[in-house]
Amino acid sequence: MKYRELGRTGWKVSEVSFGAWAIGSAWGPVDDKESLAALHRAADLGINFFDTADVYGDGRSESLIAQLRKERSETIYVATKAGRRLQPHTADGYNYENLSRFVERSLKNLETDCLDLLQLHCPPTEVYYRPEVFEALDKLVQEGKVRYYGLSVKPPEEGLKAMDYPNVQTIQIIFNIFRQRPAELFLKEAARRKVGVLARVPLASGLLTGKITRDTTFPENDHRRFNIEGKVFDRGETFAGVDLETGLQAVEELKALVPPGMTMTQFALRWILMFDGVTCAIPGAKRPAQVEENAAAADFPPLSEEVMAKTREIYDRLIKPQVHYRW
């Protein structure tokens, strides 16, 4: 495993880290014993950064990571998120009282007295224009309940605006072969300002693994079934907002670019790591074998300029018209 500096935190985190949405909820059936085995395998392979949220299984994901920490001796950094528990999910809800309440709940779930990294969980755009929200986060840091804070954002513009606040340490954003716009300005600006970047949905909800076909069916509690048209949350979170048929066509063309000895999953993750502005990719995993495949992506040499150019051509021709101007 290789490591990169996470913004100005002083932490060095694994290039391929662990996204814990899948072991919490919305990705079909999960087994806590198997999930914990996957978490341990990640730590075995040098993964030291785990991303979760208070709404992933209503705390289930946080609790599993707490158990991992109790059973390991090495340093493990945990990033969690807050805000999506708000009903309704409005900018007015992002105040000190609510955030403090959410933090207390995550502290209990994670069995700790200070959160390593708290991220606002894709808040409404208006939040970015309310300095008092960031003052509330500063207060939580001053109280010793939060070490650092950042945000999970939707379009790159939200990330750019968030970086105006001097204590924002990290931005989590969808960045993958099917969502390339962050590379145009956002990643460069994050690097300039020394803000850490967590690349979420790195495999486009599994599309970029090459394992999904036209005949694949998803369980009723899998967002790839119930949110494919964005009925529950932002459509861009499912298959990166790409129409399934178009995505499958693009994947078939991308497969021809995968170097020998590398899987499609590893190719998709290695593509993300080609960008210096990215701190880490956070693919999900429910089983140890998935963790092993993901982690190995960091061991491959850089992709060639020719492969990167061909990947961009496929994006420009097939994917860009669907997603580039939306997110």
C-alpha atoms as a PDB file:
ATOM      1  CA  MET A   1       0.000   0.000   0.000  1.00  0.00           C
ATOM      2  CA  LYS A   2       1.119   3.537  -0.729  1.00  0.00           C
ATOM      3  CA  TYR A   3       0.167   6.608   1.293  1.00  0.00           C
ATOM      4  CA  ARG A   4      -0.581  10.252   0.559  1.00  0.00           C
ATOM      5  CA  GLU A   5      -0.790  13.288   2.817  1.00  0.00           C
ATOM      6  CA  LEU A   6      -4.356  14.239   3.700  1.00  0.00           C
ATOM      7  CA  GLY A   7      -4.407  17.978   3.193  1.00  0.00           C
ATOM      8  CA  ARG A   8      -2.961  19.872   6.166  1.00  0.00           C
ATOM      9  CA  THR A   9      -3.886  17.253   8.799  1.00  0.00           C
ATOM     10  CA  GLY A  10      -0.424  15.708   8.945  1.00  0.00           C
ATOM     11  CA  TRP A  11      -1.976  12.282   8.363  1.00  0.00           C
ATOM     12  CA  LYS A  12      -0.701   9.916   5.699  1.00  0.00           C
ATOM     13  CA  VAL A  13      -3.589   7.803   4.493  1.00  0.00           C
ATOM     14  CA  SER A  14      -3.758   4.802   2.201  1.00  0.00           C
ATOM     15  CA  GLU A  15      -4.255   5.625  -1.476  1.00  0.00           C
ATOM     16  CA  VAL A  16      -6.988   3.029  -1.608  1.00  0.00           C
ATOM     17  CA  SER A  17      -9.085   3.354   1.517  1.00  0.00           C
ATOM     18  CA  PHE A  18     -12.400   1.855   2.640  1.00  0.00           C
ATOM     19  CA  GLY A  19     -15.883   3.253   1.990  1.00  0.00           C
ATOM     20  CA  ALA A  20     -18.306   1.816   4.539  1.00  0.00           C
ATOM     21  CA  TRP A  21     -21.684   2.649   2.990  1.00  0.00           C
ATOM     22  CA  ALA A  22     -22.120  -0.893   1.665  1.00  0.00           C
ATOM     23  CA  ILE A  23     -21.661  -2.546   5.057  1.00  0.00           C
ATOM     24  CA  GLY A  24     -24.292  -0.261   6.559  1.00  0.00           C
ATOM     25  CA  SER A  25     -27.234  -0.090   4.195  1.00  0.00           C
ATOM     26  CA  ALA A  26     -28.676   0.379   0.700  1.00  0.00           C
ATOM     27  CA  TRP A  27     -26.477  -2.188  -1.065  1.00  0.00           C
ATOM     28  CA  GLY A  28     -28.518  -5.332  -0.563  1.00  0.00           C
ATOM     29  CA  PRO A  29     -28.141  -7.899   2.242  1.00  0.00           C
ATOM     30  CA  VAL A  30     -25.135  -7.622   4.539  1.00  0.00           C
ATOM     31  CA  ASP A  31     -23.740  -9.915   7.198  1.00  0.00           C
ATOM     32  CA  ASP A  32     -21.975  -8.208  10.098  1.00  0.00           C
ATOM     33  CA  LYS A  33     -19.532 -11.069  10.572  1.00  0.00           C
ATOM     34  CA  GLU A  34     -18.491 -10.919   6.922  1.00  0.00           C
ATOM     35  CA  SER A  35     -18.370  -7.117   7.043  1.00  0.00           C
ATOM     36  CA  LEU A  36     -16.035  -7.215  10.030  1.00  0.00           C
ATOM     37  CA  ALA A  37     -13.851  -9.732   8.207  1.00  0.00           C
ATOM     38  CA  ALA A  38     -13.668  -7.303   5.275  1.00  0.00           C
ATOM     39  CA  LEU A  39     -12.675  -4.468   7.615  1.00  0.00           C
ATOM     40  CA  HIS A  40      -9.933  -6.591   9.171  1.00  0.00           C
ATOM     41  CA  ARG A  41      -8.639  -7.621   5.761  1.00  0.00           C
ATOM     42  CA  ALA A  42      -8.420  -3.957   4.833  1.00  0.00           C
ATOM     43  CA  ALA A  43      -6.308  -3.243   7.902  1.00  0.00           C
ATOM     44  CA  ASP A  44      -4.161  -6.316   7.135  1.00  0.00           C
ATOM     45  CA  LEU A  45      -3.405  -4.829   3.710  1.00  0.00           C
ATOM     46  CA  GLY A  46      -2.351  -1.455   5.086  1.00  0.00           C
ATOM     47  CA  ILE A  47      -5.612   0.445   4.637  1.00  0.00           C
ATOM     48  CA  ASN A  48      -5.715   2.959   7.479  1.00  0.00           C
ATOM     49  CA  PHE A  49      -8.568   5.296   6.491  1.00  0.00           C
ATOM     50  CA  PHE A  50     -12.239   4.340   6.759  1.00  0.00           C
ATOM     51  CA  ASP A  51     -15.108   6.533   5.612  1.00  0.00           C
ATOM     52  CA  THR A  52     -18.586   6.121   7.085  1.00  0.00           C
ATOM     53  CA  ALA A  53     -21.686   8.144   8.027  1.00  0.00           C
ATOM     54  CA  ASP A  54     -24.225   8.244  10.832  1.00  0.00           C
ATOM     55  CA  VAL A  55     -27.022   7.258   8.435  1.00  0.00           C
ATOM     56  CA  TYR A  56     -25.313   4.159   7.030  1.00  0.00           C
ATOM     57  CA  GLY A  57     -27.554   1.549   8.589  1.00  0.00           C
ATOM     58  CA  ASP A  58     -28.577   4.057  11.276  1.00  0.00           C
ATOM     59  CA  GLY A  59     -25.191   3.728  12.951  1.00  0.00           C
ATOM     60  CA  ARG A  60     -24.496   0.116  11.964  1.00  0.00           C
ATOM     61  CA  SER A  61     -21.467   1.022   9.872  1.00  0.00           C
ATOM     62  CA  GLU A  62     -19.976   3.245  12.590  1.00  0.00           C
ATOM     63  CA  SER A  63     -20.417   0.503  15.196  1.00  0.00           C
ATOM     64  CA  LEU A  64     -18.640  -2.070  13.032  1.00  0.00           C
ATOM     65  CA  ILE A  65     -15.692   0.270  12.596  1.00  0.00           C
ATOM     66  CA  ALA A  66     -15.626   0.835  16.365  1.00  0.00           C
ATOM     67  CA  GLN A  67     -15.325  -2.922  16.800  1.00  0.00           C
ATOM     68  CA  LEU A  68     -12.484  -3.026  14.262  1.00  0.00           C
ATOM     69  CA  ARG A  69     -10.612  -0.340  16.174  1.00  0.00           C
ATOM     70  CA  LYS A  70     -10.952  -2.248  19.430  1.00  0.00           C
ATOM     71  CA  GLU A  71      -9.467  -5.350  17.809  1.00  0.00           C
ATOM     72  CA  ARG A  72      -6.507  -3.660  16.070  1.00  0.00           C
ATOM     73  CA  SER A  73      -3.376  -2.008  17.431  1.00  0.00           C
ATOM     74  CA  GLU A  74      -2.354   0.097  14.410  1.00  0.00           C
ATOM     75  CA  THR A  75      -3.469   3.670  13.779  1.00  0.00           C
ATOM     76  CA  ILE A  76      -6.853   3.783  12.051  1.00  0.00           C
ATOM     77  CA  TYR A  77      -8.351   7.079  10.914  1.00  0.00           C
ATOM     78  CA  VAL A  78     -12.128   7.286  10.732  1.00  0.00           C
ATOM     79  CA  ALA A  79     -14.120   9.879   8.818  1.00  0.00           C
ATOM     80  CA  THR A  80     -17.837  10.070   9.455  1.00  0.00           C
ATOM     81  CA  LYS A  81     -20.582  12.361   8.176  1.00  0.00           C
ATOM     82  CA  ALA A  82     -23.503  14.267   9.614  1.00  0.00           C
ATOM     83  CA  GLY A  83     -26.524  16.134   8.311  1.00  0.00           C
ATOM     84  CA  ARG A  84     -28.628  13.607   6.452  1.00  0.00           C
ATOM     85  CA  ARG A  85     -30.552  12.749   9.600  1.00  0.00           C
ATOM     86  CA  LEU A  86     -32.308  16.097   9.259  1.00  0.00           C
ATOM     87  CA  GLN A  87     -35.990  15.842   8.401  1.00  0.00           C
ATOM     88  CA  PRO A  88     -36.511  17.931   6.381  1.00  0.00           C
ATOM     89  CA  HIS A  89     -32.995  18.187   5.023  1.00  0.00           C
ATOM     90  CA  THR A  90     -32.700  21.987   4.824  1.00  0.00           C
ATOM     91  CA  ALA A  91     -29.965  24.556   5.322  1.00  0.00           C
ATOM     92  CA  ASP A  92     -31.688  25.814   8.484  1.00  0.00           C
ATOM     93  CA  GLY A  93     -31.059  22.444  10.106  1.00  0.00           C
ATOM     94  CA  TYR A  94     -27.293  22.902   9.876  1.00  0.00           C
ATOM     95  CA  ASN A  95     -26.857  24.683  13.191  1.00  0.00           C
ATOM     96  CA  TYR A  96     -24.711  24.096  16.254  1.00  0.00           C
ATOM     97  CA  GLU A  97     -27.462  22.386  18.238  1.00  0.00           C
ATOM     98  CA  ASN A  98     -28.230  19.787  15.589  1.00  0.00           C
ATOM     99  CA  LEU A  99     -24.623  19.204  14.597  1.00  0.00           C
ATOM    100  CA  SER A 100     -23.634  18.809  18.243  1.00  0.00           C
ATOM    101  CA  ARG A 101     -26.400  16.244  18.693  1.00  0.00           C
ATOM    102  CA  PHE A 102     -25.283  14.290  15.644  1.00  0.00           C
ATOM    103  CA  VAL A 103     -21.665  14.384  16.809  1.00  0.00           C
ATOM    104  CA  GLU A 104     -22.602  13.029  20.225  1.00  0.00           C
ATOM    105  CA  ARG A 105     -24.395  10.129  18.565  1.00  0.00           C
ATOM    106  CA  SER A 106     -21.405   9.315  16.340  1.00  0.00           C
ATOM    107  CA  LEU A 107     -19.039   9.544  19.311  1.00  0.00           C
ATOM    108  CA  LYS A 108     -21.159   6.909  21.028  1.00  0.00           C
ATOM    109  CA  ASN A 109     -21.370   4.674  17.945  1.00  0.00           C
ATOM    110  CA  LEU A 110     -17.632   4.907  17.310  1.00  0.00           C
ATOM    111  CA  GLU A 111     -16.841   4.509  21.012  1.00  0.00           C
ATOM    112  CA  THR A 112     -14.481   7.462  21.111  1.00  0.00           C
ATOM    113  CA  ASP A 113     -14.279  10.863  22.740  1.00  0.00           C
ATOM    114  CA  CYS A 114     -13.206  12.778  19.612  1.00  0.00           C
ATOM    115  CA  LEU A 115     -14.083  12.264  15.943  1.00  0.00           C
ATOM    116  CA  ASP A 116     -11.035  12.157  13.674  1.00  0.00           C
ATOM    117  CA  LEU A 117     -12.816  13.806  10.761  1.00  0.00           C
ATOM    118  CA  LEU A 118     -16.393  15.049  10.564  1.00  0.00           C
ATOM    119  CA  GLN A 119     -17.876  15.785   7.141  1.00  0.00           C
ATOM    120  CA  LEU A 120     -21.098  17.585   6.372  1.00  0.00           C
ATOM    121  CA  HIS A 121     -23.069  15.068   4.324  1.00  0.00           C
ATOM    122  CA  CYS A 122     -23.923  16.689   0.968  1.00  0.00           C
ATOM    123  CA  PRO A 123     -25.681  19.683   2.541  1.00  0.00           C
ATOM    124  CA  PRO A 124     -27.973  22.002   0.568  1.00  0.00           C
ATOM    125  CA  THR A 125     -26.028  24.517  -1.523  1.00  0.00           C
ATOM    126  CA  GLU A 126     -27.196  27.383   0.697  1.00  0.00           C
ATOM    127  CA  VAL A 127     -25.102  25.980   3.568  1.00  0.00           C
ATOM    128  CA  TYR A 128     -21.908  26.970   1.757  1.00  0.00           C
ATOM    129  CA  TYR A 129     -22.979  30.608   1.992  1.00  0.00           C
ATOM    130  CA  ARG A 130     -23.647  30.533   5.739  1.00  0.00           C
ATOM    131  CA  PRO A 131     -20.462  31.291   7.699  1.00  0.00           C
ATOM    132  CA  GLU A 132     -22.286  30.485  10.931  1.00  0.00           C
ATOM    133  CA  VAL A 133     -22.344  26.788   9.929  1.00  0.00           C
ATOM    134  CA  PHE A 134     -18.566  26.720   9.781  1.00  0.00           C
ATOM    135  CA  GLU A 135     -18.370  28.673  13.028  1.00  0.00           C
ATOM    136  CA  ALA A 136     -20.419  25.870  14.594  1.00  0.00           C
ATOM    137  CA  LEU A 137     -17.913  23.325  13.272  1.00  0.00           C
ATOM    138  CA  ASP A 138     -15.050  25.413  14.665  1.00  0.00           C
ATOM    139  CA  LYS A 139     -16.785  25.373  18.039  1.00  0.00           C
ATOM    140  CA  LEU A 140     -17.009  21.573  17.964  1.00  0.00           C
ATOM    141  CA  VAL A 141     -13.271  21.466  17.276  1.00  0.00           C
ATOM    142  CA  GLN A 142     -12.599  23.869  20.148  1.00  0.00           C
ATOM    143  CA  GLU A 143     -14.676  21.664  22.442  1.00  0.00           C
ATOM    144  CA  GLY A 144     -12.468  18.700  21.601  1.00  0.00           C
ATOM    145  CA  LYS A 145     -15.274  16.654  20.063  1.00  0.00           C
ATOM    146  CA  VAL A 146     -13.982  16.892  16.484  1.00  0.00           C
ATOM    147  CA  ARG A 147     -10.342  16.925  15.394  1.00  0.00           C
ATOM    148  CA  TYR A 148     -10.828  18.085  11.777  1.00  0.00           C
ATOM    149  CA  TYR A 149     -13.768  18.747   9.492  1.00  0.00           C
ATOM    150  CA  GLY A 150     -14.623  18.775   5.820  1.00  0.00           C
ATOM    151  CA  LEU A 151     -17.565  18.251   3.483  1.00  0.00           C
ATOM    152  CA  SER A 152     -18.988  15.730   1.095  1.00  0.00           C
ATOM    153  CA  VAL A 153     -20.179  17.683  -1.950  1.00  0.00           C
ATOM    154  CA  LYS A 154     -22.089  17.132  -5.164  1.00  0.00           C
ATOM    155  CA  PRO A 155     -20.869  19.439  -7.980  1.00  0.00           C
ATOM    156  CA  PRO A 156     -17.265  20.705  -7.978  1.00  0.00           C
ATOM    157  CA  GLU A 157     -18.524  24.253  -7.497  1.00  0.00           C
ATOM    158  CA  GLU A 158     -19.658  23.380  -3.972  1.00  0.00           C
ATOM    159  CA  GLY A 159     -16.190  22.055  -3.214  1.00  0.00           C
ATOM    160  CA  LEU A 160     -14.564  25.212  -4.539  1.00  0.00           C
ATOM    161  CA  LYS A 161     -16.831  27.352  -2.369  1.00  0.00           C
ATOM    162  CA  ALA A 162     -16.191  25.177   0.706  1.00  0.00           C
ATOM    163  CA  MET A 163     -12.461  25.785   0.362  1.00  0.00           C
ATOM    164  CA  ASP A 164     -13.065  29.478   1.038  1.00  0.00           C
ATOM    165  CA  TYR A 165     -13.442  28.538   4.718  1.00  0.00           C
ATOM    166  CA  PRO A 166      -9.905  28.258   6.122  1.00  0.00           C
ATOM    167  CA  ASN A 167     -10.495  25.317   8.460  1.00  0.00           C
ATOM    168  CA  VAL A 168     -12.031  22.998   5.865  1.00  0.00           C
ATOM    169  CA  GLN A 169      -9.475  20.201   5.642  1.00  0.00           C
ATOM    170  CA  THR A 170     -11.083  17.758   3.199  1.00  0.00           C
ATOM    171  CA  ILE A 171     -13.571  17.557   0.358  1.00  0.00           C
ATOM    172  CA  GLN A 172     -15.256  14.319  -0.632  1.00  0.00           C
ATOM    173  CA  ILE A 173     -16.523  14.292  -4.213  1.00  0.00           C
ATOM    174  CA  ILE A 174     -17.626  11.817  -6.871  1.00  0.00           C
ATOM    175  CA  PHE A 175     -14.644  11.323  -9.150  1.00  0.00           C
ATOM    176  CA  ASN A 176     -14.227   8.386 -11.489  1.00  0.00           C
ATOM    177  CA  ILE A 177     -13.898   7.552 -15.189  1.00  0.00           C
ATOM    178  CA  PHE A 178     -17.581   8.453 -15.624  1.00  0.00           C
ATOM    179  CA  ARG A 179     -17.338  11.713 -13.645  1.00  0.00           C
ATOM    180  CA  GLN A 180     -14.258  13.528 -14.897  1.00  0.00           C
ATOM    181  CA  ARG A 181     -15.161  17.217 -14.485  1.00  0.00           C
ATOM    182  CA  PRO A 182     -13.419  17.608 -11.080  1.00  0.00           C
ATOM    183  CA  ALA A 183     -10.097  17.155 -12.920  1.00  0.00           C
ATOM    184  CA  GLU A 184     -10.598  20.366 -14.889  1.00  0.00           C
ATOM    185  CA  LEU A 185     -10.294  22.836 -12.005  1.00  0.00           C
ATOM    186  CA  PHE A 186     -11.344  21.405  -8.667  1.00  0.00           C
ATOM    187  CA  LEU A 187      -8.440  18.999  -8.130  1.00  0.00           C
ATOM    188  CA  LYS A 188      -5.868  21.623  -9.075  1.00  0.00           C
ATOM    189  CA  GLU A 189      -7.383  24.132  -6.665  1.00  0.00           C
ATOM    190  CA  ALA A 190      -7.570  21.574  -3.857  1.00  0.00           C
ATOM    191  CA  ALA A 191      -3.885  20.769  -4.357  1.00  0.00           C
ATOM    192  CA  ARG A 192      -2.992  24.464  -4.371  1.00  0.00           C
ATOM    193  CA  ARG A 193      -4.865  25.061  -1.126  1.00  0.00           C
ATOM    194  CA  LYS A 194      -3.637  21.796   0.431  1.00  0.00           C
ATOM    195  CA  VAL A 195      -7.118  20.413   0.936  1.00  0.00           C
ATOM    196  CA  GLY A 196      -7.452  16.627   1.017  1.00  0.00           C
ATOM    197  CA  VAL A 197      -9.683  15.013  -1.618  1.00  0.00           C
ATOM    198  CA  LEU A 198     -11.579  11.772  -1.051  1.00  0.00           C
ATOM    199  CA  ALA A 199     -12.807  10.244  -4.318  1.00  0.00           C
ATOM    200  CA  ARG A 200     -16.169   8.670  -3.589  1.00  0.00           C
ATOM    201  CA  VAL A 201     -18.295   6.397  -5.823  1.00  0.00           C
ATOM    202  CA  PRO A 202     -14.981   5.465  -7.498  1.00  0.00           C
ATOM    203  CA  LEU A 203     -16.478   2.439  -9.254  1.00  0.00           C
ATOM    204  CA  ALA A 204     -19.727   4.130 -10.324  1.00  0.00           C
ATOM    205  CA  SER A 205     -21.804   1.882  -8.042  1.00  0.00           C
ATOM    206  CA  GLY A 206     -20.166  -1.212  -9.495  1.00  0.00           C
ATOM    207  CA  LEU A 207     -20.550  -0.315 -13.165  1.00  0.00           C
ATOM    208  CA  LEU A 208     -16.794   0.181 -13.496  1.00  0.00           C
ATOM    209  CA  THR A 209     -16.052  -3.272 -12.080  1.00  0.00           C
ATOM    210  CA  GLY A 210     -17.204  -4.757 -15.367  1.00  0.00           C
ATOM    211  CA  LYS A 211     -19.261  -7.306 -13.432  1.00  0.00           C
ATOM    212  CA  ILE A 212     -22.695  -5.782 -14.042  1.00  0.00           C
ATOM    213  CA  THR A 213     -24.569  -6.906 -17.149  1.00  0.00           C
ATOM    214  CA  ARG A 214     -27.933  -6.159 -18.743  1.00  0.00           C
ATOM    215  CA  ASP A 215     -29.297  -9.206 -16.914  1.00  0.00           C
ATOM    216  CA  THR A 216     -28.104  -8.199 -13.456  1.00  0.00           C
ATOM    217  CA  THR A 217     -30.917  -7.792 -10.937  1.00  0.00           C
ATOM    218  CA  PHE A 218     -30.543  -5.959  -7.640  1.00  0.00           C
ATOM    219  CA  PRO A 219     -32.304  -6.625  -4.309  1.00  0.00           C
ATOM    220  CA  GLU A 220     -35.153  -4.340  -3.294  1.00  0.00           C
ATOM    221  CA  ASN A 221     -32.994  -2.719  -0.591  1.00  0.00           C
ATOM    222  CA  ASP A 222     -30.194  -1.873  -3.052  1.00  0.00           C
ATOM    223  CA  HIS A 223     -30.090   1.759  -4.235  1.00  0.00           C
ATOM    224  CA  ARG A 224     -29.140   0.500  -7.702  1.00  0.00           C
ATOM    225  CA  ARG A 225     -32.727  -0.698  -7.877  1.00  0.00           C
ATOM    226  CA  PHE A 226     -34.738   1.869  -5.934  1.00  0.00           C
ATOM    227  CA  ASN A 227     -32.770   5.032  -6.785  1.00  0.00           C
ATOM    228  CA  ILE A 228     -31.825   4.516 -10.419  1.00  0.00           C
ATOM    229  CA  GLU A 229     -34.008   7.493 -11.384  1.00  0.00           C
ATOM    230  CA  GLY A 230     -33.122   9.550  -8.307  1.00  0.00           C
ATOM    231  CA  LYS A 231     -36.414   8.975  -6.475  1.00  0.00           C
ATOM    232  CA  VAL A 232     -34.840   8.734  -2.985  1.00  0.00           C
ATOM    233  CA  PHE A 233     -31.670  10.832  -3.217  1.00  0.00           C
ATOM    234  CA  ASP A 234     -29.561  12.515  -5.880  1.00  0.00           C
ATOM    235  CA  ARG A 235     -29.469  10.366  -9.013  1.00  0.00           C
ATOM    236  CA  GLY A 236     -25.781  11.136  -9.385  1.00  0.00           C
ATOM    237  CA  GLU A 237     -25.045   8.874  -6.402  1.00  0.00           C
ATOM    238  CA  THR A 238     -26.290   5.812  -8.325  1.00  0.00           C
ATOM    239  CA  PHE A 239     -24.168   4.654 -11.292  1.00  0.00           C
ATOM    240  CA  ALA A 240     -22.615   8.155 -11.117  1.00  0.00           C
ATOM    241  CA  GLY A 241     -25.744   9.441 -12.862  1.00  0.00           C
ATOM    242  CA  VAL A 242     -25.043   7.506 -16.063  1.00  0.00           C
ATOM    243  CA  ASP A 243     -27.807   5.698 -17.915  1.00  0.00           C
ATOM    244  CA  LEU A 244     -27.196   1.968 -17.390  1.00  0.00           C
ATOM    245  CA  GLU A 245     -27.228   1.044 -21.082  1.00  0.00           C
ATOM    246  CA  THR A 246     -24.745   3.796 -21.960  1.00  0.00           C
ATOM    247  CA  GLY A 247     -22.560   2.855 -19.006  1.00  0.00           C
ATOM    248  CA  LEU A 248     -22.412  -0.783 -20.078  1.00  0.00           C
ATOM    249  CA  GLN A 249     -21.431   0.248 -23.610  1.00  0.00           C
ATOM    250  CA  ALA A 250     -18.646   2.442 -22.262  1.00  0.00           C
ATOM    251  CA  VAL A 251     -17.378  -0.324 -19.978  1.00  0.00           C
ATOM    252  CA  GLU A 252     -17.109  -2.709 -22.919  1.00  0.00           C
ATOM    253  CA  GLU A 253     -14.874  -0.197 -24.715  1.00  0.00           C
ATOM    254  CA  LEU A 254     -12.845   0.482 -21.572  1.00  0.00           C
ATOM    255  CA  LYS A 255     -12.125  -3.222 -21.086  1.00  0.00           C
ATOM    256  CA  ALA A 256      -9.931  -3.125 -24.178  1.00  0.00           C
ATOM    257  CA  LEU A 257      -7.658  -0.622 -22.428  1.00  0.00           C
ATOM    258  CA  VAL A 258      -7.060  -2.654 -19.247  1.00  0.00           C
ATOM    259  CA  PRO A 259      -3.387  -3.737 -19.022  1.00  0.00           C
ATOM    260  CA  PRO A 260      -2.580  -7.459 -18.671  1.00  0.00           C
ATOM    261  CA  GLY A 261      -2.843  -8.759 -15.123  1.00  0.00           C
ATOM    262  CA  MET A 262      -5.183  -5.985 -13.997  1.00  0.00           C
ATOM    263  CA  THR A 263      -8.918  -6.292 -13.435  1.00  0.00           C
ATOM    264  CA  MET A 264     -11.419  -3.704 -14.607  1.00  0.00           C
ATOM    265  CA  THR A 265     -11.967  -2.715 -10.962  1.00  0.00           C
ATOM    266  CA  GLN A 266      -8.261  -2.130 -10.466  1.00  0.00           C
ATOM    267  CA  PHE A 267      -8.029  -0.198 -13.718  1.00  0.00           C
ATOM    268  CA  ALA A 268     -10.823   2.146 -12.602  1.00  0.00           C
ATOM    269  CA  LEU A 269      -9.153   2.757  -9.244  1.00  0.00           C
ATOM    270  CA  ARG A 270      -5.674   3.168 -10.769  1.00  0.00           C
ATOM    271  CA  TRP A 271      -7.126   5.785 -13.145  1.00  0.00           C
ATOM    272  CA  ILE A 272      -8.237   7.846 -10.131  1.00  0.00           C
ATOM    273  CA  LEU A 273      -4.801   7.576  -8.524  1.00  0.00           C
ATOM    274  CA  MET A 274      -3.220   9.087 -11.638  1.00  0.00           C
ATOM    275  CA  PHE A 275      -4.352  12.497 -10.379  1.00  0.00           C
ATOM    276  CA  ASP A 276      -2.069  14.107  -7.806  1.00  0.00           C
ATOM    277  CA  GLY A 277      -4.922  16.204  -6.409  1.00  0.00           C
ATOM    278  CA  VAL A 278      -6.623  13.048  -5.144  1.00  0.00           C
ATOM    279  CA  THR A 279      -5.639  11.884  -1.671  1.00  0.00           C
ATOM    280  CA  CYS A 280      -7.426   8.539  -1.779  1.00  0.00           C
ATOM    281  CA  ALA A 281     -10.197   6.567  -3.420  1.00  0.00           C
ATOM    282  CA  ILE A 282     -12.782   5.052  -1.078  1.00  0.00           C
ATOM    283  CA  PRO A 283     -14.328   2.010  -2.783  1.00  0.00           C
ATOM    284  CA  GLY A 284     -16.822   0.002  -0.782  1.00  0.00           C
ATOM    285  CA  ALA A 285     -16.514  -3.691   0.031  1.00  0.00           C
ATOM    286  CA  LYS A 286     -18.680  -6.224   1.808  1.00  0.00           C
ATOM    287  CA  ARG A 287     -16.321  -9.196   1.552  1.00  0.00           C
ATOM    288  CA  PRO A 288     -12.580  -9.727   2.112  1.00  0.00           C
ATOM    289  CA  ALA A 289     -12.033 -10.740  -1.524  1.00  0.00           C
ATOM    290  CA  GLN A 290     -13.415  -7.397  -2.691  1.00  0.00           C
ATOM    291  CA  VAL A 291     -11.052  -5.581  -0.343  1.00  0.00           C
ATOM    292  CA  GLU A 292      -8.102  -7.532  -1.730  1.00  0.00           C
ATOM    293  CA  GLU A 293      -8.980  -6.651  -5.299  1.00  0.00           C
ATOM    294  CA  ASN A 294      -9.449  -2.985  -4.437  1.00  0.00           C
ATOM    295  CA  ALA A 295      -6.262  -2.645  -2.400  1.00  0.00           C
ATOM    296  CA  ALA A 296      -4.105  -4.211  -5.111  1.00  0.00           C
ATOM    297  CA  ALA A 297      -4.892  -1.285  -7.410  1.00  0.00           C
ATOM    298  CA  ALA A 298      -2.301   0.787  -5.534  1.00  0.00           C
ATOM    299  CA  ASP A 299       0.452  -1.674  -6.473  1.00  0.00           C
ATOM    300  CA  PHE A 300       0.229  -1.248 -10.243  1.00  0.00           C
ATOM    301  CA  PRO A 301       2.454   1.138 -12.216  1.00  0.00           C
ATOM    302  CA  PRO A 302       0.962   4.327 -13.689  1.00  0.00           C
ATOM    303  CA  LEU A 303      -1.278   4.026 -16.726  1.00  0.00           C
ATOM    304  CA  SER A 304       0.226   5.232 -19.994  1.00  0.00           C
ATOM    305  CA  GLU A 305      -0.580   8.608 -21.522  1.00  0.00           C
ATOM    306  CA  GLU A 306      -2.125   6.760 -24.474  1.00  0.00           C
ATOM    307  CA  VAL A 307      -4.485   4.805 -22.212  1.00  0.00           C
ATOM    308  CA  MET A 308      -5.443   7.955 -20.311  1.00  0.00           C
ATOM    309  CA  ALA A 309      -6.169   9.748 -23.595  1.00  0.00           C
ATOM    310  CA  LYS A 310      -8.325   6.872 -24.889  1.00  0.00           C
ATOM    311  CA  THR A 311     -10.216   6.780 -21.605  1.00  0.00           C
ATOM    312  CA  ARG A 312     -10.964  10.486 -21.984  1.00  0.00           C
ATOM    313  CA  GLU A 313     -12.140   9.944 -25.568  1.00  0.00           C
ATOM    314  CA  ILE A 314     -14.645   7.307 -24.447  1.00  0.00           C
ATOM    315  CA  TYR A 315     -15.871   9.665 -21.730  1.00  0.00           C
ATOM    316  CA  ASP A 316     -16.211  12.607 -24.109  1.00  0.00           C
ATOM    317  CA  ARG A 317     -18.114  10.578 -26.686  1.00  0.00           C
ATOM    318  CA  LEU A 318     -20.462   8.487 -24.525  1.00  0.00           C
ATOM    319  CA  ILE A 319     -20.648   9.826 -20.977  1.00  0.00           C
ATOM    320  CA  LYS A 320     -20.014  13.567 -21.051  1.00  0.00           C
ATOM    321  CA  PRO A 321     -23.365  14.530 -22.646  1.00  0.00           C
ATOM    322  CA  GLN A 322     -25.205  12.850 -19.738  1.00  0.00           C
ATOM    323  CA  VAL A 323     -23.271  13.988 -16.672  1.00  0.00           C
ATOM    324  CA  HIS A 324     -20.717  16.703 -17.361  1.00  0.00           C
ATOM    325  CA  TYR A 325     -23.066  19.660 -17.062  1.00  0.00           C
ATOM    326  CA  ARG A 326     -25.177  18.260 -14.219  1.00  0.00           C
ATOM    327  CA  TRP A 327     -22.495  17.552 -11.630  1.00  0.00           C
END
